[in-house]
N, C-alpha and C. Protein backbone atom coordinates (compact mmCIF):
# COMPACT_ATOMS: atom_id res chain seq x y z
N MET A 1 6.05 -1.47 -4.05
CA MET A 1 5.91 -2.68 -4.83
C MET A 1 6.91 -3.71 -4.34
N GLY A 2 6.42 -4.92 -4.21
CA GLY A 2 7.29 -6.00 -3.82
C GLY A 2 7.58 -6.11 -2.34
N CYS A 3 6.93 -5.29 -1.53
CA CYS A 3 7.19 -5.37 -0.09
C CYS A 3 6.21 -6.29 0.62
N GLY A 4 5.17 -6.72 -0.09
CA GLY A 4 4.21 -7.64 0.52
C GLY A 4 2.94 -7.00 1.03
N LYS A 5 2.59 -5.83 0.50
CA LYS A 5 1.40 -5.13 0.99
C LYS A 5 0.13 -5.97 0.86
N SER A 6 -0.06 -6.56 -0.30
CA SER A 6 -1.30 -7.32 -0.52
C SER A 6 -1.32 -8.63 0.28
N SER A 7 -0.24 -9.38 0.22
CA SER A 7 -0.24 -10.66 0.94
C SER A 7 -0.26 -10.45 2.45
N THR A 8 0.47 -9.47 2.94
CA THR A 8 0.45 -9.17 4.37
C THR A 8 -0.91 -8.61 4.77
N GLY A 9 -1.46 -7.77 3.92
CA GLY A 9 -2.77 -7.19 4.21
C GLY A 9 -3.85 -8.24 4.34
N ARG A 10 -3.84 -9.21 3.45
CA ARG A 10 -4.83 -10.31 3.53
C ARG A 10 -4.67 -11.08 4.84
N GLU A 11 -3.43 -11.39 5.18
CA GLU A 11 -3.15 -12.12 6.42
C GLU A 11 -3.58 -11.29 7.64
N LEU A 12 -3.27 -10.02 7.63
CA LEU A 12 -3.64 -9.14 8.74
C LEU A 12 -5.15 -9.05 8.89
N ALA A 13 -5.85 -8.88 7.78
CA ALA A 13 -7.32 -8.79 7.83
C ALA A 13 -7.91 -10.06 8.42
N GLU A 14 -7.37 -11.20 8.04
CA GLU A 14 -7.87 -12.46 8.58
C GLU A 14 -7.67 -12.52 10.09
N ARG A 15 -6.49 -12.13 10.55
CA ARG A 15 -6.20 -12.16 11.99
C ARG A 15 -7.09 -11.20 12.78
N LEU A 16 -7.42 -10.07 12.16
CA LEU A 16 -8.23 -9.06 12.85
C LEU A 16 -9.73 -9.24 12.64
N GLY A 17 -10.10 -10.18 11.78
CA GLY A 17 -11.51 -10.36 11.45
C GLY A 17 -12.05 -9.16 10.69
N ALA A 18 -11.20 -8.56 9.88
CA ALA A 18 -11.56 -7.35 9.14
C ALA A 18 -11.68 -7.65 7.65
N ARG A 19 -12.24 -6.71 6.94
CA ARG A 19 -12.33 -6.81 5.49
C ARG A 19 -11.01 -6.33 4.91
N PHE A 20 -10.59 -6.94 3.79
CA PHE A 20 -9.37 -6.53 3.12
C PHE A 20 -9.71 -5.86 1.80
N ILE A 21 -9.08 -4.71 1.55
CA ILE A 21 -9.22 -4.03 0.27
C ILE A 21 -7.83 -3.69 -0.24
N ASP A 22 -7.55 -4.10 -1.48
CA ASP A 22 -6.34 -3.70 -2.17
C ASP A 22 -6.73 -2.50 -3.02
N LEU A 23 -6.14 -1.35 -2.78
CA LEU A 23 -6.54 -0.14 -3.47
C LEU A 23 -6.37 -0.25 -4.98
N ASP A 24 -5.32 -0.92 -5.44
CA ASP A 24 -5.14 -1.10 -6.89
C ASP A 24 -6.30 -1.92 -7.48
N ASP A 25 -6.73 -2.96 -6.76
CA ASP A 25 -7.87 -3.76 -7.23
C ASP A 25 -9.15 -2.93 -7.26
N GLU A 26 -9.30 -2.08 -6.26
CA GLU A 26 -10.47 -1.20 -6.17
C GLU A 26 -10.51 -0.24 -7.37
N ILE A 27 -9.36 0.31 -7.71
CA ILE A 27 -9.26 1.23 -8.85
C ILE A 27 -9.60 0.50 -10.15
N ALA A 28 -9.04 -0.68 -10.33
CA ALA A 28 -9.30 -1.46 -11.55
C ALA A 28 -10.78 -1.80 -11.66
N ALA A 29 -11.40 -2.18 -10.55
CA ALA A 29 -12.83 -2.51 -10.58
C ALA A 29 -13.68 -1.28 -10.91
N ARG A 30 -13.33 -0.14 -10.36
CA ARG A 30 -14.10 1.09 -10.60
C ARG A 30 -13.97 1.58 -12.04
N THR A 31 -12.77 1.46 -12.58
CA THR A 31 -12.52 2.02 -13.92
C THR A 31 -12.74 1.00 -15.04
N GLY A 32 -12.75 -0.28 -14.69
CA GLY A 32 -12.86 -1.32 -15.70
C GLY A 32 -11.59 -1.48 -16.53
N ARG A 33 -10.49 -0.96 -16.00
CA ARG A 33 -9.19 -1.06 -16.70
C ARG A 33 -8.12 -1.49 -15.71
N SER A 34 -7.09 -2.15 -16.23
CA SER A 34 -5.97 -2.53 -15.38
C SER A 34 -5.13 -1.28 -15.09
N ILE A 35 -4.29 -1.39 -14.08
CA ILE A 35 -3.41 -0.27 -13.72
C ILE A 35 -2.50 0.08 -14.91
N PRO A 36 -1.84 -0.90 -15.56
CA PRO A 36 -1.02 -0.54 -16.72
C PRO A 36 -1.82 0.17 -17.82
N GLU A 37 -3.06 -0.24 -18.03
CA GLU A 37 -3.90 0.43 -19.05
C GLU A 37 -4.16 1.88 -18.68
N ILE A 38 -4.46 2.12 -17.41
CA ILE A 38 -4.71 3.50 -16.96
C ILE A 38 -3.46 4.35 -17.20
N PHE A 39 -2.30 3.80 -16.87
CA PHE A 39 -1.04 4.54 -17.09
C PHE A 39 -0.81 4.80 -18.57
N ARG A 40 -1.04 3.79 -19.41
CA ARG A 40 -0.84 3.96 -20.86
C ARG A 40 -1.78 5.01 -21.43
N GLU A 41 -3.04 4.98 -21.01
CA GLU A 41 -4.06 5.86 -21.60
C GLU A 41 -4.04 7.28 -21.05
N GLY A 42 -3.72 7.44 -19.78
CA GLY A 42 -3.79 8.78 -19.19
C GLY A 42 -2.57 9.21 -18.42
N GLY A 43 -1.58 8.33 -18.34
CA GLY A 43 -0.38 8.65 -17.60
C GLY A 43 -0.58 8.59 -16.10
N GLU A 44 0.50 8.90 -15.41
CA GLU A 44 0.44 8.85 -13.95
C GLU A 44 -0.58 9.83 -13.36
N PRO A 45 -0.73 11.06 -13.91
CA PRO A 45 -1.73 11.97 -13.33
C PRO A 45 -3.16 11.38 -13.33
N ALA A 46 -3.54 10.71 -14.41
CA ALA A 46 -4.88 10.10 -14.47
C ALA A 46 -5.00 8.99 -13.43
N PHE A 47 -3.94 8.20 -13.29
CA PHE A 47 -3.98 7.14 -12.30
C PHE A 47 -4.07 7.71 -10.89
N ARG A 48 -3.26 8.71 -10.58
CA ARG A 48 -3.28 9.28 -9.22
C ARG A 48 -4.63 9.91 -8.90
N ALA A 49 -5.30 10.50 -9.88
CA ALA A 49 -6.63 11.07 -9.65
C ALA A 49 -7.63 9.96 -9.32
N ALA A 50 -7.59 8.87 -10.08
CA ALA A 50 -8.47 7.74 -9.81
C ALA A 50 -8.16 7.11 -8.46
N GLU A 51 -6.89 7.05 -8.14
CA GLU A 51 -6.44 6.48 -6.87
C GLU A 51 -6.94 7.32 -5.69
N LEU A 52 -6.80 8.63 -5.79
CA LEU A 52 -7.25 9.52 -4.71
C LEU A 52 -8.75 9.41 -4.51
N GLN A 53 -9.51 9.36 -5.60
CA GLN A 53 -10.96 9.23 -5.50
C GLN A 53 -11.34 7.91 -4.82
N ALA A 54 -10.69 6.83 -5.22
CA ALA A 54 -10.96 5.52 -4.62
C ALA A 54 -10.60 5.54 -3.13
N LEU A 55 -9.47 6.13 -2.80
CA LEU A 55 -9.04 6.22 -1.40
C LEU A 55 -10.05 7.00 -0.57
N GLN A 56 -10.48 8.15 -1.07
CA GLN A 56 -11.47 8.96 -0.36
C GLN A 56 -12.76 8.17 -0.14
N ASP A 57 -13.19 7.45 -1.15
CA ASP A 57 -14.43 6.67 -1.03
C ASP A 57 -14.28 5.54 -0.03
N VAL A 58 -13.17 4.81 -0.12
CA VAL A 58 -12.96 3.69 0.80
C VAL A 58 -12.88 4.18 2.24
N LEU A 59 -12.12 5.24 2.48
CA LEU A 59 -11.98 5.74 3.85
C LEU A 59 -13.24 6.45 4.35
N GLY A 60 -14.12 6.81 3.44
CA GLY A 60 -15.38 7.43 3.83
C GLY A 60 -16.44 6.44 4.27
N ARG A 61 -16.23 5.16 3.97
CA ARG A 61 -17.20 4.14 4.39
C ARG A 61 -17.16 3.97 5.89
N ALA A 62 -18.31 3.73 6.49
CA ALA A 62 -18.41 3.61 7.94
C ALA A 62 -17.54 2.49 8.48
N ASP A 63 -17.48 1.34 7.80
CA ASP A 63 -16.71 0.23 8.33
C ASP A 63 -15.21 0.53 8.30
N ALA A 64 -14.75 1.24 7.28
CA ALA A 64 -13.33 1.60 7.23
C ALA A 64 -13.01 2.59 8.34
N ALA A 65 -13.89 3.54 8.56
CA ALA A 65 -13.67 4.53 9.61
C ALA A 65 -13.66 3.88 10.99
N ALA A 66 -14.41 2.79 11.15
CA ALA A 66 -14.48 2.11 12.44
C ALA A 66 -13.30 1.16 12.66
N GLY A 67 -12.42 1.04 11.67
CA GLY A 67 -11.27 0.17 11.82
C GLY A 67 -11.53 -1.26 11.42
N ASP A 68 -12.60 -1.50 10.69
CA ASP A 68 -12.95 -2.86 10.29
C ASP A 68 -12.41 -3.22 8.91
N THR A 69 -11.44 -2.45 8.43
CA THR A 69 -10.90 -2.67 7.10
C THR A 69 -9.38 -2.58 7.14
N VAL A 70 -8.73 -3.50 6.45
CA VAL A 70 -7.30 -3.42 6.21
C VAL A 70 -7.16 -3.02 4.76
N LEU A 71 -6.46 -1.93 4.52
CA LEU A 71 -6.32 -1.37 3.18
C LEU A 71 -4.87 -1.42 2.75
N ALA A 72 -4.60 -2.11 1.64
CA ALA A 72 -3.26 -2.13 1.05
C ALA A 72 -3.21 -1.01 0.02
N LEU A 73 -2.39 -0.02 0.28
CA LEU A 73 -2.25 1.10 -0.64
C LEU A 73 -1.34 0.72 -1.79
N GLY A 74 -1.46 1.45 -2.88
CA GLY A 74 -0.51 1.30 -3.97
C GLY A 74 0.82 1.89 -3.53
N GLY A 75 1.88 1.50 -4.19
CA GLY A 75 3.22 1.95 -3.81
C GLY A 75 3.42 3.45 -3.88
N GLY A 76 2.66 4.14 -4.72
CA GLY A 76 2.82 5.58 -4.86
C GLY A 76 1.72 6.41 -4.23
N THR A 77 0.78 5.77 -3.55
CA THR A 77 -0.35 6.51 -2.97
C THR A 77 0.12 7.65 -2.09
N LEU A 78 1.07 7.38 -1.22
CA LEU A 78 1.51 8.41 -0.27
C LEU A 78 2.35 9.51 -0.90
N THR A 79 2.68 9.39 -2.18
CA THR A 79 3.42 10.45 -2.85
C THR A 79 2.53 11.65 -3.17
N VAL A 80 1.23 11.45 -3.09
CA VAL A 80 0.27 12.54 -3.33
C VAL A 80 -0.04 13.17 -1.98
N PRO A 81 0.32 14.44 -1.77
CA PRO A 81 0.14 15.05 -0.45
C PRO A 81 -1.28 14.90 0.12
N GLN A 82 -2.30 15.11 -0.68
CA GLN A 82 -3.67 15.00 -0.18
C GLN A 82 -3.97 13.57 0.29
N ALA A 83 -3.49 12.59 -0.44
CA ALA A 83 -3.68 11.19 -0.05
C ALA A 83 -2.92 10.90 1.24
N ARG A 84 -1.68 11.38 1.31
CA ARG A 84 -0.85 11.15 2.50
C ARG A 84 -1.52 11.74 3.74
N GLU A 85 -2.00 12.96 3.63
CA GLU A 85 -2.67 13.60 4.77
C GLU A 85 -3.91 12.82 5.19
N LEU A 86 -4.68 12.36 4.22
CA LEU A 86 -5.88 11.58 4.51
C LEU A 86 -5.53 10.27 5.21
N VAL A 87 -4.55 9.56 4.69
CA VAL A 87 -4.15 8.27 5.27
C VAL A 87 -3.61 8.47 6.68
N PHE A 88 -2.73 9.43 6.87
CA PHE A 88 -2.14 9.64 8.20
C PHE A 88 -3.18 10.11 9.22
N ALA A 89 -4.19 10.85 8.77
CA ALA A 89 -5.21 11.35 9.69
C ALA A 89 -6.27 10.29 10.03
N ARG A 90 -6.57 9.39 9.09
CA ARG A 90 -7.72 8.51 9.25
C ARG A 90 -7.39 7.04 9.47
N THR A 91 -6.10 6.68 9.42
CA THR A 91 -5.75 5.26 9.54
C THR A 91 -4.57 5.08 10.49
N ARG A 92 -4.29 3.84 10.76
CA ARG A 92 -3.04 3.47 11.43
C ARG A 92 -2.16 2.90 10.33
N CYS A 93 -1.32 3.74 9.79
CA CYS A 93 -0.54 3.42 8.60
C CYS A 93 0.79 2.78 8.97
N PHE A 94 1.06 1.64 8.35
CA PHE A 94 2.32 0.93 8.54
C PHE A 94 3.13 0.95 7.26
N TRP A 95 4.40 1.30 7.40
CA TRP A 95 5.34 1.20 6.29
C TRP A 95 5.94 -0.20 6.37
N LEU A 96 5.77 -0.98 5.32
CA LEU A 96 6.41 -2.29 5.25
C LEU A 96 7.79 -2.07 4.67
N ARG A 97 8.73 -1.80 5.55
CA ARG A 97 10.09 -1.42 5.17
C ARG A 97 10.83 -2.64 4.61
N THR A 98 11.28 -2.49 3.37
CA THR A 98 11.91 -3.60 2.66
C THR A 98 13.12 -3.08 1.89
N ARG A 99 14.24 -3.78 1.99
CA ARG A 99 15.44 -3.38 1.24
C ARG A 99 15.18 -3.52 -0.26
N LEU A 100 15.81 -2.67 -1.05
CA LEU A 100 15.67 -2.73 -2.51
C LEU A 100 16.11 -4.08 -3.05
N GLU A 101 17.15 -4.65 -2.47
CA GLU A 101 17.62 -5.96 -2.92
C GLU A 101 16.54 -7.02 -2.75
N THR A 102 15.82 -6.94 -1.66
CA THR A 102 14.74 -7.89 -1.40
C THR A 102 13.61 -7.70 -2.40
N ILE A 103 13.28 -6.44 -2.67
CA ILE A 103 12.23 -6.15 -3.65
C ILE A 103 12.61 -6.72 -5.00
N ARG A 104 13.85 -6.51 -5.40
CA ARG A 104 14.31 -7.05 -6.69
C ARG A 104 14.22 -8.57 -6.72
N GLU A 105 14.59 -9.21 -5.63
CA GLU A 105 14.49 -10.67 -5.57
C GLU A 105 13.05 -11.12 -5.72
N ARG A 106 12.14 -10.41 -5.05
CA ARG A 106 10.73 -10.79 -5.09
C ARG A 106 10.09 -10.56 -6.45
N LEU A 107 10.49 -9.47 -7.12
CA LEU A 107 9.86 -9.12 -8.39
C LEU A 107 10.62 -9.63 -9.61
N GLY A 108 11.86 -9.99 -9.44
CA GLY A 108 12.68 -10.37 -10.58
C GLY A 108 13.36 -9.13 -11.13
N ALA A 109 14.11 -9.29 -12.20
CA ALA A 109 14.90 -8.18 -12.76
C ALA A 109 14.03 -7.04 -13.24
N ALA A 110 12.88 -7.33 -13.79
CA ALA A 110 11.97 -6.29 -14.27
C ALA A 110 10.56 -6.87 -14.29
N ASP A 111 9.61 -6.01 -14.08
CA ASP A 111 8.21 -6.44 -14.10
C ASP A 111 7.44 -5.44 -14.93
N ALA A 112 7.15 -5.79 -16.16
CA ALA A 112 6.49 -4.88 -17.10
C ALA A 112 5.08 -4.49 -16.65
N SER A 113 4.47 -5.28 -15.77
CA SER A 113 3.12 -4.93 -15.32
C SER A 113 3.14 -3.80 -14.30
N ARG A 114 4.31 -3.43 -13.83
CA ARG A 114 4.42 -2.34 -12.85
C ARG A 114 5.03 -1.15 -13.57
N PRO A 115 4.20 -0.15 -13.88
CA PRO A 115 4.61 0.93 -14.78
C PRO A 115 5.85 1.72 -14.36
N LEU A 116 6.13 1.83 -13.08
CA LEU A 116 7.24 2.68 -12.66
C LEU A 116 8.48 1.89 -12.24
N PHE A 117 8.48 0.58 -12.44
CA PHE A 117 9.56 -0.26 -11.93
C PHE A 117 10.89 -0.02 -12.64
N ALA A 118 10.88 0.48 -13.85
CA ALA A 118 12.11 0.65 -14.62
C ALA A 118 13.13 1.54 -13.91
N ASP A 119 12.67 2.51 -13.14
CA ASP A 119 13.55 3.45 -12.45
C ASP A 119 13.56 3.13 -10.95
N ALA A 120 13.78 1.85 -10.62
CA ALA A 120 13.60 1.36 -9.26
C ALA A 120 14.45 2.06 -8.21
N GLU A 121 15.73 2.31 -8.50
CA GLU A 121 16.60 2.91 -7.48
C GLU A 121 16.17 4.32 -7.11
N ALA A 122 15.89 5.14 -8.10
CA ALA A 122 15.45 6.52 -7.82
C ALA A 122 14.08 6.52 -7.15
N LEU A 123 13.21 5.65 -7.62
CA LEU A 123 11.87 5.55 -7.04
C LEU A 123 11.97 5.12 -5.57
N TYR A 124 12.81 4.16 -5.30
CA TYR A 124 13.00 3.65 -3.94
C TYR A 124 13.46 4.78 -3.01
N ALA A 125 14.41 5.57 -3.46
CA ALA A 125 14.94 6.67 -2.64
C ALA A 125 13.88 7.73 -2.40
N ARG A 126 13.17 8.12 -3.46
CA ARG A 126 12.13 9.15 -3.32
C ARG A 126 11.01 8.70 -2.38
N ARG A 127 10.55 7.49 -2.61
CA ARG A 127 9.42 7.00 -1.81
C ARG A 127 9.83 6.70 -0.38
N GLY A 128 11.05 6.24 -0.17
CA GLY A 128 11.50 5.95 1.19
C GLY A 128 11.44 7.17 2.09
N ALA A 129 11.77 8.32 1.54
CA ALA A 129 11.70 9.56 2.32
C ALA A 129 10.26 9.88 2.73
N ILE A 130 9.32 9.53 1.88
CA ILE A 130 7.91 9.76 2.19
C ILE A 130 7.39 8.70 3.15
N TYR A 131 7.70 7.43 2.86
CA TYR A 131 7.21 6.34 3.70
C TYR A 131 7.70 6.48 5.14
N SER A 132 8.88 7.03 5.31
CA SER A 132 9.45 7.15 6.66
C SER A 132 8.61 8.07 7.56
N GLN A 133 7.69 8.80 6.97
CA GLN A 133 6.79 9.66 7.76
C GLN A 133 5.64 8.88 8.39
N ALA A 134 5.46 7.63 7.96
CA ALA A 134 4.37 6.80 8.52
C ALA A 134 4.58 6.63 10.01
N PRO A 135 3.49 6.61 10.77
CA PRO A 135 3.63 6.48 12.22
C PRO A 135 4.15 5.13 12.70
N PHE A 136 4.03 4.09 11.87
CA PHE A 136 4.49 2.76 12.23
C PHE A 136 5.34 2.20 11.09
N ALA A 137 6.30 1.36 11.42
CA ALA A 137 7.09 0.68 10.40
C ALA A 137 7.42 -0.72 10.90
N VAL A 138 7.49 -1.65 9.96
CA VAL A 138 7.90 -3.01 10.28
C VAL A 138 8.78 -3.49 9.13
N ASP A 139 9.90 -4.11 9.49
CA ASP A 139 10.80 -4.64 8.48
C ASP A 139 10.25 -5.96 7.95
N THR A 140 10.37 -6.16 6.62
CA THR A 140 9.82 -7.38 6.01
C THR A 140 10.89 -8.33 5.51
N ASP A 141 12.12 -7.88 5.43
CA ASP A 141 13.19 -8.72 4.87
C ASP A 141 13.30 -10.04 5.63
N GLY A 142 13.28 -11.14 4.89
CA GLY A 142 13.44 -12.46 5.48
C GLY A 142 12.24 -12.94 6.28
N LYS A 143 11.10 -12.26 6.13
CA LYS A 143 9.90 -12.63 6.90
C LYS A 143 8.77 -13.01 5.96
N THR A 144 7.92 -13.89 6.43
CA THR A 144 6.72 -14.26 5.68
C THR A 144 5.64 -13.22 5.94
N PRO A 145 4.63 -13.15 5.08
CA PRO A 145 3.51 -12.25 5.36
C PRO A 145 2.87 -12.51 6.72
N ALA A 146 2.81 -13.77 7.12
CA ALA A 146 2.23 -14.09 8.44
C ALA A 146 3.07 -13.50 9.56
N GLU A 147 4.38 -13.56 9.43
CA GLU A 147 5.25 -12.99 10.46
C GLU A 147 5.11 -11.47 10.52
N VAL A 148 5.04 -10.85 9.36
CA VAL A 148 4.88 -9.39 9.31
C VAL A 148 3.53 -9.00 9.91
N ALA A 149 2.48 -9.73 9.54
CA ALA A 149 1.15 -9.45 10.10
C ALA A 149 1.16 -9.60 11.62
N GLY A 150 1.86 -10.61 12.12
CA GLY A 150 1.96 -10.79 13.56
C GLY A 150 2.64 -9.62 14.24
N GLU A 151 3.68 -9.07 13.62
CA GLU A 151 4.35 -7.89 14.17
C GLU A 151 3.43 -6.67 14.17
N ILE A 152 2.62 -6.55 13.14
CA ILE A 152 1.69 -5.42 13.07
C ILE A 152 0.64 -5.55 14.17
N VAL A 153 0.11 -6.74 14.37
CA VAL A 153 -0.87 -6.96 15.44
C VAL A 153 -0.25 -6.60 16.79
N ALA A 154 0.99 -7.03 17.03
CA ALA A 154 1.66 -6.72 18.28
C ALA A 154 1.87 -5.22 18.44
N ALA A 155 2.25 -4.54 17.36
CA ALA A 155 2.45 -3.10 17.42
C ALA A 155 1.14 -2.37 17.71
N LEU A 156 0.06 -2.84 17.11
CA LEU A 156 -1.26 -2.23 17.36
C LEU A 156 -1.66 -2.39 18.81
N LYS A 157 -1.44 -3.58 19.36
CA LYS A 157 -1.77 -3.82 20.76
C LYS A 157 -0.89 -2.96 21.65
N GLY A 158 0.39 -2.85 21.32
CA GLY A 158 1.31 -2.04 22.11
C GLY A 158 0.98 -0.56 22.07
N ALA A 159 0.34 -0.13 20.97
CA ALA A 159 -0.04 1.27 20.83
C ALA A 159 -1.44 1.53 21.40
N GLY A 160 -2.05 0.49 21.95
CA GLY A 160 -3.37 0.65 22.53
C GLY A 160 -4.49 0.72 21.50
N CYS A 161 -4.25 0.18 20.34
CA CYS A 161 -5.25 0.20 19.26
C CYS A 161 -6.10 -1.04 19.29
C-alpha cells in the first residue's frame, strides 16, 4: 500500500499497449463489496480467498498469459503461498520497493480505508521479507509513476522480455 502499484501499473500498461487490471478493483467488482466491507464481514481469510480466486481467474485468461495485461496486486497478495507461487511462475513480478517513511507520507498518518494499515511497521517488515523474493525490484522513493514505469520497461528489455 502506498508504493504506487495502481498509478504505476496504469502508466506501464499505457506504455506497453496492454490492459490494466487492479486486483482489488477486480475483487470489488466480483463480490459487489468494497475491500473494507469484505474485511469487516468475513475478515482477512474471506478476503484472501476472494483474492486468490480473482488472481487465478485473471491469470487464466489468454491475454494475461500472453503478457498483454499489467496486473497491480493487492499489498498482501504475495503473503498467500499459493498466490505467490502462481504469480512468480506466470508473471514478471516487480516489487515496487518503497521506504516506510515514503509510504506514510503518501498515505498520511492513517488511512481507515486500508484495513491493515494500523500495524504499518510490523506489516512492512513481514511483507518486505516476502516481496524481496520477487524476481525484479525497482525503487520508487522520489520518483513519479512515469519514472518507475520507465525503469520497469527498461528492466523488461534488459531481461529480454
